[in-house]
């Protein structure tokens, strides 16, 4: 998920995540949602944690942008 910087801190990300979570909960066979967030992205991690996601692992060098690697924090929300 990406929120344009001009629209951050307005609740847009939380609203989008709540729509996705509620849609997943409507589907009988969905029991959990997984996501990966760049380990250094503290605002995103705070958002996901506030929605009930918990970290279950780290994918070292899980994301490469040009010549730079980033660790990804693996998170899950269990219904």
PDB file of N, CA and C in Angstrom:
ATOM      1  N   UNK A   1       0.844  -1.160   0.000  1.00  0.00           N
ATOM      2  CA  UNK A   1       0.000   0.000   0.000  1.00  0.00           C
ATOM      3  C   UNK A   1       0.892   1.227   0.000  1.00  0.00           C
ATOM      4  N   UNK A   2       0.457   2.247  -0.693  1.00  0.00           N
ATOM      5  CA  UNK A   2       1.203   3.495  -0.738  1.00  0.00           C
ATOM      6  C   UNK A   2       0.217   4.648  -0.638  1.00  0.00           C
ATOM      7  N   UNK A   3       0.540   5.610   0.216  1.00  0.00           N
ATOM      8  CA  UNK A   3      -0.265   6.821   0.334  1.00  0.00           C
ATOM      9  C   UNK A   3       0.615   7.998  -0.068  1.00  0.00           C
ATOM     10  N   UNK A   4       0.137   8.783  -0.997  1.00  0.00           N
ATOM     11  CA  UNK A   4       0.856   9.965  -1.457  1.00  0.00           C
ATOM     12  C   UNK A   4       1.198  10.862  -0.267  1.00  0.00           C
ATOM     13  N   UNK A   5       2.409  11.404  -0.221  1.00  0.00           N
ATOM     14  CA  UNK A   5       2.799  12.252   0.913  1.00  0.00           C
ATOM     15  C   UNK A   5       1.821  13.388   1.213  1.00  0.00           C
ATOM     16  N   UNK A   6       1.170  13.925   0.202  1.00  0.00           N
ATOM     17  CA  UNK A   6       0.194  15.006   0.416  1.00  0.00           C
ATOM     18  C   UNK A   6      -1.033  14.544   1.195  1.00  0.00           C
ATOM     19  N   UNK A   7      -1.257  13.236   1.263  1.00  0.00           N
ATOM     20  CA  UNK A   7      -2.451  12.703   1.917  1.00  0.00           C
ATOM     21  C   UNK A   7      -2.137  11.911   3.186  1.00  0.00           C
ATOM     22  N   UNK A   8      -0.900  11.934   3.605  1.00  0.00           N
ATOM     23  CA  UNK A   8      -0.512  11.211   4.818  1.00  0.00           C
ATOM     24  C   UNK A   8      -0.971  11.972   6.061  1.00  0.00           C
ATOM     25  N   UNK A   9      -1.104  11.231   7.144  1.00  0.00           N
ATOM     26  CA  UNK A   9      -1.537  11.769   8.449  1.00  0.00           C
ATOM     27  C   UNK A   9      -2.973  12.289   8.414  1.00  0.00           C
ATOM     28  N   UNK A  10      -3.752  11.783   7.445  1.00  0.00           N
ATOM     29  CA  UNK A  10      -5.166  12.148   7.335  1.00  0.00           C
ATOM     30  C   UNK A  10      -6.077  10.954   7.580  1.00  0.00           C
ATOM     31  N   UNK A  11      -5.488   9.798   7.885  1.00  0.00           N
ATOM     32  CA  UNK A  11      -6.282   8.598   8.126  1.00  0.00           C
ATOM     33  C   UNK A  11      -6.583   7.793   6.878  1.00  0.00           C
ATOM     34  N   UNK A  12      -5.982   8.176   5.753  1.00  0.00           N
ATOM     35  CA  UNK A  12      -6.244   7.474   4.490  1.00  0.00           C
ATOM     36  C   UNK A  12      -5.745   6.034   4.557  1.00  0.00           C
ATOM     37  N   UNK A  13      -4.522   5.845   5.033  1.00  0.00           N
ATOM     38  CA  UNK A  13      -3.964   4.494   5.115  1.00  0.00           C
ATOM     39  C   UNK A  13      -4.775   3.600   6.025  1.00  0.00           C
ATOM     40  N   UNK A  14      -5.182   4.126   7.171  1.00  0.00           N
ATOM     41  CA  UNK A  14      -5.979   3.335   8.114  1.00  0.00           C
ATOM     42  C   UNK A  14      -7.325   2.980   7.505  1.00  0.00           C
ATOM     43  N   UNK A  15      -7.941   3.930   6.805  1.00  0.00           N
ATOM     44  CA  UNK A  15      -9.230   3.663   6.162  1.00  0.00           C
ATOM     45  C   UNK A  15      -9.089   2.580   5.094  1.00  0.00           C
ATOM     46  N   UNK A  16      -8.047   2.658   4.279  1.00  0.00           N
ATOM     47  CA  UNK A  16      -7.824   1.637   3.249  1.00  0.00           C
ATOM     48  C   UNK A  16      -7.610   0.266   3.868  1.00  0.00           C
ATOM     49  N   UNK A  17      -6.797   0.218   4.909  1.00  0.00           N
ATOM     50  CA  UNK A  17      -6.542  -1.060   5.571  1.00  0.00           C
ATOM     51  C   UNK A  17      -7.811  -1.620   6.207  1.00  0.00           C
ATOM     52  N   UNK A  18      -8.621  -0.774   6.815  1.00  0.00           N
ATOM     53  CA  UNK A  18      -9.864  -1.256   7.428  1.00  0.00           C
ATOM     54  C   UNK A  18     -10.812  -1.828   6.381  1.00  0.00           C
ATOM     55  N   UNK A  19     -10.878  -1.208   5.206  1.00  0.00           N
ATOM     56  CA  UNK A  19     -11.722  -1.752   4.134  1.00  0.00           C
ATOM     57  C   UNK A  19     -11.208  -3.133   3.721  1.00  0.00           C
ATOM     58  N   UNK A  20      -9.894  -3.246   3.538  1.00  0.00           N
ATOM     59  CA  UNK A  20      -9.320  -4.533   3.131  1.00  0.00           C
ATOM     60  C   UNK A  20      -9.533  -5.604   4.198  1.00  0.00           C
ATOM     61  N   UNK A  21      -9.325  -5.248   5.464  1.00  0.00           N
ATOM     62  CA  UNK A  21      -9.500  -6.212   6.559  1.00  0.00           C
ATOM     63  C   UNK A  21     -10.958  -6.648   6.644  1.00  0.00           C
ATOM     64  N   UNK A  22     -11.876  -5.703   6.580  1.00  0.00           N
ATOM     65  CA  UNK A  22     -13.300  -6.052   6.668  1.00  0.00           C
ATOM     66  C   UNK A  22     -13.740  -6.907   5.492  1.00  0.00           C
ATOM     67  N   UNK A  23     -13.222  -6.635   4.302  1.00  0.00           N
ATOM     68  CA  UNK A  23     -13.551  -7.456   3.133  1.00  0.00           C
ATOM     69  C   UNK A  23     -13.032  -8.881   3.329  1.00  0.00           C
ATOM     70  N   UNK A  24     -11.815  -9.009   3.846  1.00  0.00           N
ATOM     71  CA  UNK A  24     -11.249 -10.341   4.093  1.00  0.00           C
ATOM     72  C   UNK A  24     -12.075 -11.097   5.128  1.00  0.00           C
ATOM     73  N   UNK A  25     -12.548 -10.401   6.140  1.00  0.00           N
ATOM     74  CA  UNK A  25     -13.353 -11.049   7.187  1.00  0.00           C
ATOM     75  C   UNK A  25     -14.682 -11.562   6.646  1.00  0.00           C
ATOM     76  N   UNK A  26     -15.184 -10.952   5.572  1.00  0.00           N
ATOM     77  CA  UNK A  26     -16.430 -11.406   4.952  1.00  0.00           C
ATOM     78  C   UNK A  26     -16.261 -12.738   4.229  1.00  0.00           C
ATOM     79  N   UNK A  27     -15.050 -13.071   3.871  1.00  0.00           N
ATOM     80  CA  UNK A  27     -14.769 -14.304   3.138  1.00  0.00           C
ATOM     81  C   UNK A  27     -14.531 -15.423   4.141  1.00  0.00           C
ATOM     82  N   UNK A  28     -15.364 -16.437   4.098  1.00  0.00           N
ATOM     83  CA  UNK A  28     -15.362 -17.496   5.111  1.00  0.00           C
ATOM     84  C   UNK A  28     -14.025 -18.198   5.292  1.00  0.00           C
ATOM     85  N   UNK A  29     -13.300 -18.406   4.229  1.00  0.00           N
ATOM     86  CA  UNK A  29     -12.091 -19.222   4.323  1.00  0.00           C
ATOM     87  C   UNK A  29     -10.845 -18.425   4.693  1.00  0.00           C
ATOM     88  N   UNK A  30     -10.952 -17.116   4.765  1.00  0.00           N
ATOM     89  CA  UNK A  30      -9.802 -16.298   5.146  1.00  0.00           C
ATOM     90  C   UNK A  30      -9.691 -16.290   6.666  1.00  0.00           C
ATOM     91  N   UNK A  31      -8.552 -16.714   7.174  1.00  0.00           N
ATOM     92  CA  UNK A  31      -8.324 -16.768   8.619  1.00  0.00           C
ATOM     93  C   UNK A  31      -7.278 -15.773   9.090  1.00  0.00           C
ATOM     94  N   UNK A  32      -6.445 -15.313   8.154  1.00  0.00           N
ATOM     95  CA  UNK A  32      -5.396 -14.378   8.530  1.00  0.00           C
ATOM     96  C   UNK A  32      -4.929 -13.606   7.300  1.00  0.00           C
ATOM     97  N   UNK A  33      -4.312 -12.460   7.561  1.00  0.00           N
ATOM     98  CA  UNK A  33      -3.754 -11.620   6.503  1.00  0.00           C
ATOM     99  C   UNK A  33      -2.271 -11.443   6.798  1.00  0.00           C
ATOM    100  N   UNK A  34      -1.456 -11.612   5.774  1.00  0.00           N
ATOM    101  CA  UNK A  34      -0.024 -11.404   5.887  1.00  0.00           C
ATOM    102  C   UNK A  34       0.370 -10.140   5.138  1.00  0.00           C
ATOM    103  N   UNK A  35       1.402  -9.471   5.630  1.00  0.00           N
ATOM    104  CA  UNK A  35       1.975  -8.347   4.896  1.00  0.00           C
ATOM    105  C   UNK A  35       3.447  -8.232   5.223  1.00  0.00           C
ATOM    106  N   UNK A  36       4.151  -7.515   4.373  1.00  0.00           N
ATOM    107  CA  UNK A  36       5.563  -7.208   4.602  1.00  0.00           C
ATOM    108  C   UNK A  36       5.715  -5.696   4.544  1.00  0.00           C
ATOM    109  N   UNK A  37       6.475  -5.160   5.480  1.00  0.00           N
ATOM    110  CA  UNK A  37       6.720  -3.718   5.536  1.00  0.00           C
ATOM    111  C   UNK A  37       8.225  -3.506   5.697  1.00  0.00           C
ATOM    112  N   UNK A  38       8.746  -2.503   5.016  1.00  0.00           N
ATOM    113  CA  UNK A  38      10.162  -2.190   5.149  1.00  0.00           C
ATOM    114  C   UNK A  38      10.478  -1.961   6.623  1.00  0.00           C
ATOM    115  N   UNK A  39      11.471  -2.657   7.123  1.00  0.00           N
ATOM    116  CA  UNK A  39      11.754  -2.674   8.562  1.00  0.00           C
ATOM    117  C   UNK A  39      11.966  -1.281   9.149  1.00  0.00           C
ATOM    118  N   UNK A  40      12.465  -0.342   8.381  1.00  0.00           N
ATOM    119  CA  UNK A  40      12.706   1.000   8.890  1.00  0.00           C
ATOM    120  C   UNK A  40      11.525   1.946   8.781  1.00  0.00           C
ATOM    121  N   UNK A  41      10.402   1.474   8.259  1.00  0.00           N
ATOM    122  CA  UNK A  41       9.238   2.340   8.050  1.00  0.00           C
ATOM    123  C   UNK A  41       8.381   2.357   9.318  1.00  0.00           C
ATOM    124  N   UNK A  42       8.806   3.139  10.290  1.00  0.00           N
ATOM    125  CA  UNK A  42       8.136   3.167  11.593  1.00  0.00           C
ATOM    126  C   UNK A  42       6.679   3.634  11.516  1.00  0.00           C
ATOM    127  N   UNK A  43       6.334   4.666  10.728  1.00  0.00           N
ATOM    128  CA  UNK A  43       4.914   5.056  10.659  1.00  0.00           C
ATOM    129  C   UNK A  43       4.012   3.923  10.158  1.00  0.00           C
ATOM    130  N   UNK A  44       4.462   3.199   9.138  1.00  0.00           N
ATOM    131  CA  UNK A  44       3.662   2.087   8.613  1.00  0.00           C
ATOM    132  C   UNK A  44       3.546   0.973   9.645  1.00  0.00           C
ATOM    133  N   UNK A  45       4.654   0.668  10.335  1.00  0.00           N
ATOM    134  CA  UNK A  45       4.607  -0.380  11.354  1.00  0.00           C
ATOM    135  C   UNK A  45       3.664   0.002  12.492  1.00  0.00           C
ATOM    136  N   UNK A  46       3.655   1.269  12.868  1.00  0.00           N
ATOM    137  CA  UNK A  46       2.716   1.714  13.915  1.00  0.00           C
ATOM    138  C   UNK A  46       1.274   1.551  13.450  1.00  0.00           C
ATOM    139  N   UNK A  47       1.014   1.882  12.189  1.00  0.00           N
ATOM    140  CA  UNK A  47      -0.342   1.710  11.646  1.00  0.00           C
ATOM    141  C   UNK A  47      -0.747   0.245  11.712  1.00  0.00           C
ATOM    142  N   UNK A  48       0.074  -0.633  11.188  1.00  0.00           N
ATOM    143  CA  UNK A  48      -0.280  -2.054  11.154  1.00  0.00           C
ATOM    144  C   UNK A  48      -0.433  -2.635  12.555  1.00  0.00           C
ATOM    145  N   UNK A  49       0.433  -2.240  13.461  1.00  0.00           N
ATOM    146  CA  UNK A  49       0.319  -2.703  14.844  1.00  0.00           C
ATOM    147  C   UNK A  49      -0.981  -2.223  15.472  1.00  0.00           C
ATOM    148  N   UNK A  50      -1.376  -0.988  15.189  1.00  0.00           N
ATOM    149  CA  UNK A  50      -2.624  -0.450  15.746  1.00  0.00           C
ATOM    150  C   UNK A  50      -3.842  -1.203  15.232  1.00  0.00           C
ATOM    151  N   UNK A  51      -3.702  -1.850  14.086  1.00  0.00           N
ATOM    152  CA  UNK A  51      -4.798  -2.626  13.505  1.00  0.00           C
ATOM    153  C   UNK A  51      -4.781  -4.086  13.958  1.00  0.00           C
ATOM    154  N   UNK A  52      -3.790  -4.444  14.776  1.00  0.00           N
ATOM    155  CA  UNK A  52      -3.741  -5.799  15.321  1.00  0.00           C
ATOM    156  C   UNK A  52      -2.703  -6.717  14.702  1.00  0.00           C
ATOM    157  N   UNK A  53      -1.947  -6.235  13.731  1.00  0.00           N
ATOM    158  CA  UNK A  53      -0.905  -7.060  13.126  1.00  0.00           C
ATOM    159  C   UNK A  53       0.238  -7.243  14.112  1.00  0.00           C
ATOM    160  N   UNK A  54       0.865  -8.417  14.068  1.00  0.00           N
ATOM    161  CA  UNK A  54       2.037  -8.699  14.898  1.00  0.00           C
ATOM    162  C   UNK A  54       3.166  -9.207  14.006  1.00  0.00           C
ATOM    163  N   UNK A  55       4.374  -8.900  14.403  1.00  0.00           N
ATOM    164  CA  UNK A  55       5.556  -9.328  13.653  1.00  0.00           C
ATOM    165  C   UNK A  55       5.859 -10.786  13.969  1.00  0.00           C
ATOM    166  N   UNK A  56       6.142 -11.559  12.925  1.00  0.00           N
ATOM    167  CA  UNK A  56       6.523 -12.953  13.135  1.00  0.00           C
ATOM    168  C   UNK A  56       7.874 -13.286  12.526  1.00  0.00           C
ATOM    169  N   UNK A  57       8.506 -12.313  11.859  1.00  0.00           N
ATOM    170  CA  UNK A  57       9.817 -12.595  11.296  1.00  0.00           C
ATOM    171  C   UNK A  57      10.378 -11.416  10.529  1.00  0.00           C
ATOM    172  N   UNK A  58      11.626 -11.567  10.111  1.00  0.00           N
ATOM    173  CA  UNK A  58      12.323 -10.568   9.311  1.00  0.00           C
ATOM    174  C   UNK A  58      12.871 -11.264   8.062  1.00  0.00           C
ATOM    175  N   UNK A  59      12.626 -10.675   6.921  1.00  0.00           N
ATOM    176  CA  UNK A  59      13.198 -11.160   5.666  1.00  0.00           C
ATOM    177  C   UNK A  59      14.387 -10.250   5.348  1.00  0.00           C
ATOM    178  N   UNK A  60      15.578 -10.728   5.676  1.00  0.00           N
ATOM    179  CA  UNK A  60      16.794  -9.942   5.463  1.00  0.00           C
ATOM    180  C   UNK A  60      16.994  -9.691   3.969  1.00  0.00           C
ATOM    181  N   UNK A  61      17.241  -8.441   3.619  1.00  0.00           N
ATOM    182  CA  UNK A  61      17.440  -8.056   2.218  1.00  0.00           C
ATOM    183  C   UNK A  61      16.264  -8.469   1.339  1.00  0.00           C
ATOM    184  N   UNK A  62      15.058  -8.440   1.906  1.00  0.00           N
ATOM    185  CA  UNK A  62      13.873  -8.894   1.194  1.00  0.00           C
ATOM    186  C   UNK A  62      13.420  -7.988   0.066  1.00  0.00           C
ATOM    187  N   UNK A  63      13.913  -6.753   0.050  1.00  0.00           N
ATOM    188  CA  UNK A  63      13.521  -5.789  -0.975  1.00  0.00           C
ATOM    189  C   UNK A  63      14.779  -5.135  -1.522  1.00  0.00           C
ATOM    190  N   UNK A  64      14.866  -5.072  -2.863  1.00  0.00           N
ATOM    191  CA  UNK A  64      15.998  -4.404  -3.490  1.00  0.00           C
ATOM    192  C   UNK A  64      15.464  -3.297  -4.382  1.00  0.00           C
ATOM    193  N   UNK A  65      15.927  -2.083  -4.141  1.00  0.00           N
ATOM    194  CA  UNK A  65      15.584  -0.939  -4.984  1.00  0.00           C
ATOM    195  C   UNK A  65      16.893  -0.416  -5.543  1.00  0.00           C
ATOM    196  N   UNK A  66      17.027  -0.526  -6.853  1.00  0.00           N
ATOM    197  CA  UNK A  66      18.272  -0.228  -7.547  1.00  0.00           C
ATOM    198  C   UNK A  66      19.390  -1.058  -6.928  1.00  0.00           C
ATOM    199  N   UNK A  67      20.367  -0.454  -6.291  1.00  0.00           N
ATOM    200  CA  UNK A  67      21.478  -1.219  -5.718  1.00  0.00           C
ATOM    201  C   UNK A  67      21.421  -1.305  -4.202  1.00  0.00           C
ATOM    202  N   UNK A  68      20.272  -0.965  -3.613  1.00  0.00           N
ATOM    203  CA  UNK A  68      20.150  -0.943  -2.161  1.00  0.00           C
ATOM    204  C   UNK A  68      19.166  -2.006  -1.698  1.00  0.00           C
ATOM    205  N   UNK A  69      19.581  -2.768  -0.697  1.00  0.00           N
ATOM    206  CA  UNK A  69      18.725  -3.797  -0.102  1.00  0.00           C
ATOM    207  C   UNK A  69      18.099  -3.270   1.188  1.00  0.00           C
ATOM    208  N   UNK A  70      16.874  -3.717   1.458  1.00  0.00           N
ATOM    209  CA  UNK A  70      16.155  -3.359   2.668  1.00  0.00           C
ATOM    210  C   UNK A  70      15.600  -4.623   3.308  1.00  0.00           C
ATOM    211  N   UNK A  71      15.657  -4.678   4.628  1.00  0.00           N
ATOM    212  CA  UNK A  71      15.000  -5.767   5.345  1.00  0.00           C
ATOM    213  C   UNK A  71      13.506  -5.514   5.352  1.00  0.00           C
ATOM    214  N   UNK A  72      12.732  -6.598   5.322  1.00  0.00           N
ATOM    215  CA  UNK A  72      11.289  -6.484   5.426  1.00  0.00           C
ATOM    216  C   UNK A  72      10.805  -7.184   6.687  1.00  0.00           C
ATOM    217  N   UNK A  73       9.951  -6.517   7.414  1.00  0.00           N
ATOM    218  CA  UNK A  73       9.338  -7.088   8.607  1.00  0.00           C
ATOM    219  C   UNK A  73       8.062  -7.800   8.152  1.00  0.00           C
ATOM    220  N   UNK A  74       7.930  -9.053   8.531  1.00  0.00           N
ATOM    221  CA  UNK A  74       6.784  -9.880   8.150  1.00  0.00           C
ATOM    222  C   UNK A  74       5.755  -9.817   9.273  1.00  0.00           C
ATOM    223  N   UNK A  75       4.519  -9.476   8.909  1.00  0.00           N
ATOM    224  CA  UNK A  75       3.474  -9.290   9.918  1.00  0.00           C
ATOM    225  C   UNK A  75       2.240 -10.092   9.535  1.00  0.00           C
ATOM    226  N   UNK A  76       1.439 -10.432  10.555  1.00  0.00           N
ATOM    227  CA  UNK A  76       0.224 -11.202  10.330  1.00  0.00           C
ATOM    228  C   UNK A  76      -0.876 -10.677  11.240  1.00  0.00           C
ATOM    229  N   UNK A  77      -2.095 -10.732  10.717  1.00  0.00           N
ATOM    230  CA  UNK A  77      -3.302 -10.436  11.489  1.00  0.00           C
ATOM    231  C   UNK A  77      -4.157 -11.682  11.460  1.00  0.00           C
ATOM    232  N   UNK A  78      -4.391 -12.280  12.621  1.00  0.00           N
ATOM    233  CA  UNK A  78      -5.194 -13.493  12.718  1.00  0.00           C
ATOM    234  C   UNK A  78      -6.585 -13.114  13.206  1.00  0.00           C
ATOM    235  N   UNK A  79      -7.608 -13.616  12.510  1.00  0.00           N
ATOM    236  CA  UNK A  79      -8.993 -13.302  12.898  1.00  0.00           C
ATOM    237  C   UNK A  79      -9.457 -14.211  14.018  1.00  0.00           C
TER     238      UNK A  79
END
